[in-house]
């Protein structure tokens, strides 16, 4: 048997448990999965998947910016004390159109 080396990895417990469950469904351990990842990386000469920032369409980008503005109190929003009040307001908007 070939000599082995240890790699210590810190990861949150929830991620570890999810990974163990996933890999167990394939009949492998997390250690097996890490070995597969490392060997595939060596074969590819880099990460075996594309790494890039997510890109969204203009509508999604605008919605995310609006959400950031709301969270930072840069824009004011309507507040409702109940769902009934919200729906009454929405019904009123529909009558205008």
C-alpha atoms as a PDB file:
ATOM      1  CA  UNK A   1       0.000   0.000   0.000  1.00  0.00           C
ATOM      2  CA  UNK A   2       1.232   3.506  -0.850  1.00  0.00           C
ATOM      3  CA  UNK A   3       2.120   5.916   1.892  1.00  0.00           C
ATOM      4  CA  UNK A   4      -0.590   8.423   2.700  1.00  0.00           C
ATOM      5  CA  UNK A   5      -0.537  12.004   3.911  1.00  0.00           C
ATOM      6  CA  UNK A   6      -3.102  13.754   6.032  1.00  0.00           C
ATOM      7  CA  UNK A   7      -5.017  16.891   5.085  1.00  0.00           C
ATOM      8  CA  UNK A   8      -6.942  18.659   7.848  1.00  0.00           C
ATOM      9  CA  UNK A   9      -9.970  20.620   6.695  1.00  0.00           C
ATOM     10  CA  UNK A  10     -12.243  22.775   8.837  1.00  0.00           C
ATOM     11  CA  UNK A  11     -15.835  22.924   7.665  1.00  0.00           C
ATOM     12  CA  UNK A  12     -19.129  23.603   9.365  1.00  0.00           C
ATOM     13  CA  UNK A  13     -20.945  20.551  10.733  1.00  0.00           C
ATOM     14  CA  UNK A  14     -24.021  21.012   8.528  1.00  0.00           C
ATOM     15  CA  UNK A  15     -21.977  21.008   5.315  1.00  0.00           C
ATOM     16  CA  UNK A  16     -19.998  17.979   6.477  1.00  0.00           C
ATOM     17  CA  UNK A  17     -23.167  16.027   7.293  1.00  0.00           C
ATOM     18  CA  UNK A  18     -24.753  16.928   3.940  1.00  0.00           C
ATOM     19  CA  UNK A  19     -21.593  15.881   2.081  1.00  0.00           C
ATOM     20  CA  UNK A  20     -21.383  12.593   4.000  1.00  0.00           C
ATOM     21  CA  UNK A  21     -25.010  11.824   3.154  1.00  0.00           C
ATOM     22  CA  UNK A  22     -24.513  12.693  -0.513  1.00  0.00           C
ATOM     23  CA  UNK A  23     -21.332  10.680  -0.926  1.00  0.00           C
ATOM     24  CA  UNK A  24     -22.767   7.730   1.004  1.00  0.00           C
ATOM     25  CA  UNK A  25     -25.522   7.573  -1.625  1.00  0.00           C
ATOM     26  CA  UNK A  26     -22.705   6.951  -4.155  1.00  0.00           C
ATOM     27  CA  UNK A  27     -21.119   4.357  -1.883  1.00  0.00           C
ATOM     28  CA  UNK A  28     -18.049   6.481  -1.130  1.00  0.00           C
ATOM     29  CA  UNK A  29     -16.710   8.421   1.851  1.00  0.00           C
ATOM     30  CA  UNK A  30     -15.809  12.099   2.070  1.00  0.00           C
ATOM     31  CA  UNK A  31     -12.155  11.017   1.956  1.00  0.00           C
ATOM     32  CA  UNK A  32     -12.854   9.102  -1.279  1.00  0.00           C
ATOM     33  CA  UNK A  33     -14.590  12.181  -2.726  1.00  0.00           C
ATOM     34  CA  UNK A  34     -11.680  14.439  -1.806  1.00  0.00           C
ATOM     35  CA  UNK A  35      -9.243  11.993  -3.431  1.00  0.00           C
ATOM     36  CA  UNK A  36     -11.398  11.961  -6.585  1.00  0.00           C
ATOM     37  CA  UNK A  37     -11.474  15.775  -6.591  1.00  0.00           C
ATOM     38  CA  UNK A  38      -7.697  16.054  -6.177  1.00  0.00           C
ATOM     39  CA  UNK A  39      -6.924  13.454  -8.866  1.00  0.00           C
ATOM     40  CA  UNK A  40      -9.361  15.080 -11.294  1.00  0.00           C
ATOM     41  CA  UNK A  41      -7.802  18.493 -10.562  1.00  0.00           C
ATOM     42  CA  UNK A  42      -4.366  17.083 -11.380  1.00  0.00           C
ATOM     43  CA  UNK A  43      -5.673  15.515 -14.614  1.00  0.00           C
ATOM     44  CA  UNK A  44      -7.346  18.788 -15.655  1.00  0.00           C
ATOM     45  CA  UNK A  45      -4.414  20.965 -14.607  1.00  0.00           C
ATOM     46  CA  UNK A  46      -6.713  23.091 -12.444  1.00  0.00           C
ATOM     47  CA  UNK A  47     -10.091  23.006 -10.820  1.00  0.00           C
ATOM     48  CA  UNK A  48     -12.331  20.434 -12.529  1.00  0.00           C
ATOM     49  CA  UNK A  49     -15.154  22.940 -12.896  1.00  0.00           C
ATOM     50  CA  UNK A  50     -15.557  26.530 -14.022  1.00  0.00           C
ATOM     51  CA  UNK A  51     -15.204  29.181 -11.324  1.00  0.00           C
ATOM     52  CA  UNK A  52     -16.929  32.478 -11.974  1.00  0.00           C
ATOM     53  CA  UNK A  53     -19.100  35.071 -10.329  1.00  0.00           C
ATOM     54  CA  UNK A  54     -22.836  34.611 -10.842  1.00  0.00           C
ATOM     55  CA  UNK A  55     -24.375  36.817 -13.512  1.00  0.00           C
ATOM     56  CA  UNK A  56     -27.994  37.845 -13.467  1.00  0.00           C
ATOM     57  CA  UNK A  57     -30.233  39.463 -16.040  1.00  0.00           C
ATOM     58  CA  UNK A  58     -30.982  43.190 -15.766  1.00  0.00           C
ATOM     59  CA  UNK A  59     -34.350  42.661 -14.068  1.00  0.00           C
ATOM     60  CA  UNK A  60     -32.818  40.456 -11.354  1.00  0.00           C
ATOM     61  CA  UNK A  61     -29.922  42.888 -10.855  1.00  0.00           C
ATOM     62  CA  UNK A  62     -32.409  45.761 -10.445  1.00  0.00           C
ATOM     63  CA  UNK A  63     -34.466  43.766  -7.922  1.00  0.00           C
ATOM     64  CA  UNK A  64     -31.344  42.919  -5.917  1.00  0.00           C
ATOM     65  CA  UNK A  65     -30.274  46.567  -5.906  1.00  0.00           C
ATOM     66  CA  UNK A  66     -33.757  47.616  -4.754  1.00  0.00           C
ATOM     67  CA  UNK A  67     -33.598  45.030  -1.940  1.00  0.00           C
ATOM     68  CA  UNK A  68     -30.200  46.402  -0.856  1.00  0.00           C
ATOM     69  CA  UNK A  69     -31.621  49.944  -0.878  1.00  0.00           C
ATOM     70  CA  UNK A  70     -34.569  48.836   1.259  1.00  0.00           C
ATOM     71  CA  UNK A  71     -32.270  47.085   3.735  1.00  0.00           C
ATOM     72  CA  UNK A  72     -30.072  50.199   3.970  1.00  0.00           C
ATOM     73  CA  UNK A  73     -33.165  52.437   4.377  1.00  0.00           C
ATOM     74  CA  UNK A  74     -32.149  54.342   1.227  1.00  0.00           C
ATOM     75  CA  UNK A  75     -35.718  54.119  -0.066  1.00  0.00           C
ATOM     76  CA  UNK A  76     -38.979  54.049   1.829  1.00  0.00           C
ATOM     77  CA  UNK A  77     -41.502  51.259   1.480  1.00  0.00           C
ATOM     78  CA  UNK A  78     -45.141  50.831   2.380  1.00  0.00           C
ATOM     79  CA  UNK A  79     -45.864  48.999   5.601  1.00  0.00           C
ATOM     80  CA  UNK A  80     -49.042  47.128   6.373  1.00  0.00           C
ATOM     81  CA  UNK A  81     -50.403  46.089   9.740  1.00  0.00           C
ATOM     82  CA  UNK A  82     -52.186  43.077   8.270  1.00  0.00           C
ATOM     83  CA  UNK A  83     -52.504  40.986   5.144  1.00  0.00           C
ATOM     84  CA  UNK A  84     -56.051  42.309   4.763  1.00  0.00           C
ATOM     85  CA  UNK A  85     -54.707  45.878   4.580  1.00  0.00           C
ATOM     86  CA  UNK A  86     -52.140  44.804   1.978  1.00  0.00           C
ATOM     87  CA  UNK A  87     -54.736  43.085  -0.200  1.00  0.00           C
ATOM     88  CA  UNK A  88     -57.106  46.051   0.079  1.00  0.00           C
ATOM     89  CA  UNK A  89     -54.296  48.294  -1.184  1.00  0.00           C
ATOM     90  CA  UNK A  90     -53.536  45.886  -4.021  1.00  0.00           C
ATOM     91  CA  UNK A  91     -57.223  45.721  -4.970  1.00  0.00           C
ATOM     92  CA  UNK A  92     -57.266  49.525  -5.075  1.00  0.00           C
ATOM     93  CA  UNK A  93     -54.276  49.557  -7.434  1.00  0.00           C
ATOM     94  CA  UNK A  94     -56.018  47.106  -9.742  1.00  0.00           C
ATOM     95  CA  UNK A  95     -59.123  49.322  -9.915  1.00  0.00           C
ATOM     96  CA  UNK A  96     -57.024  52.239 -11.162  1.00  0.00           C
ATOM     97  CA  UNK A  97     -55.747  50.387 -14.237  1.00  0.00           C
END
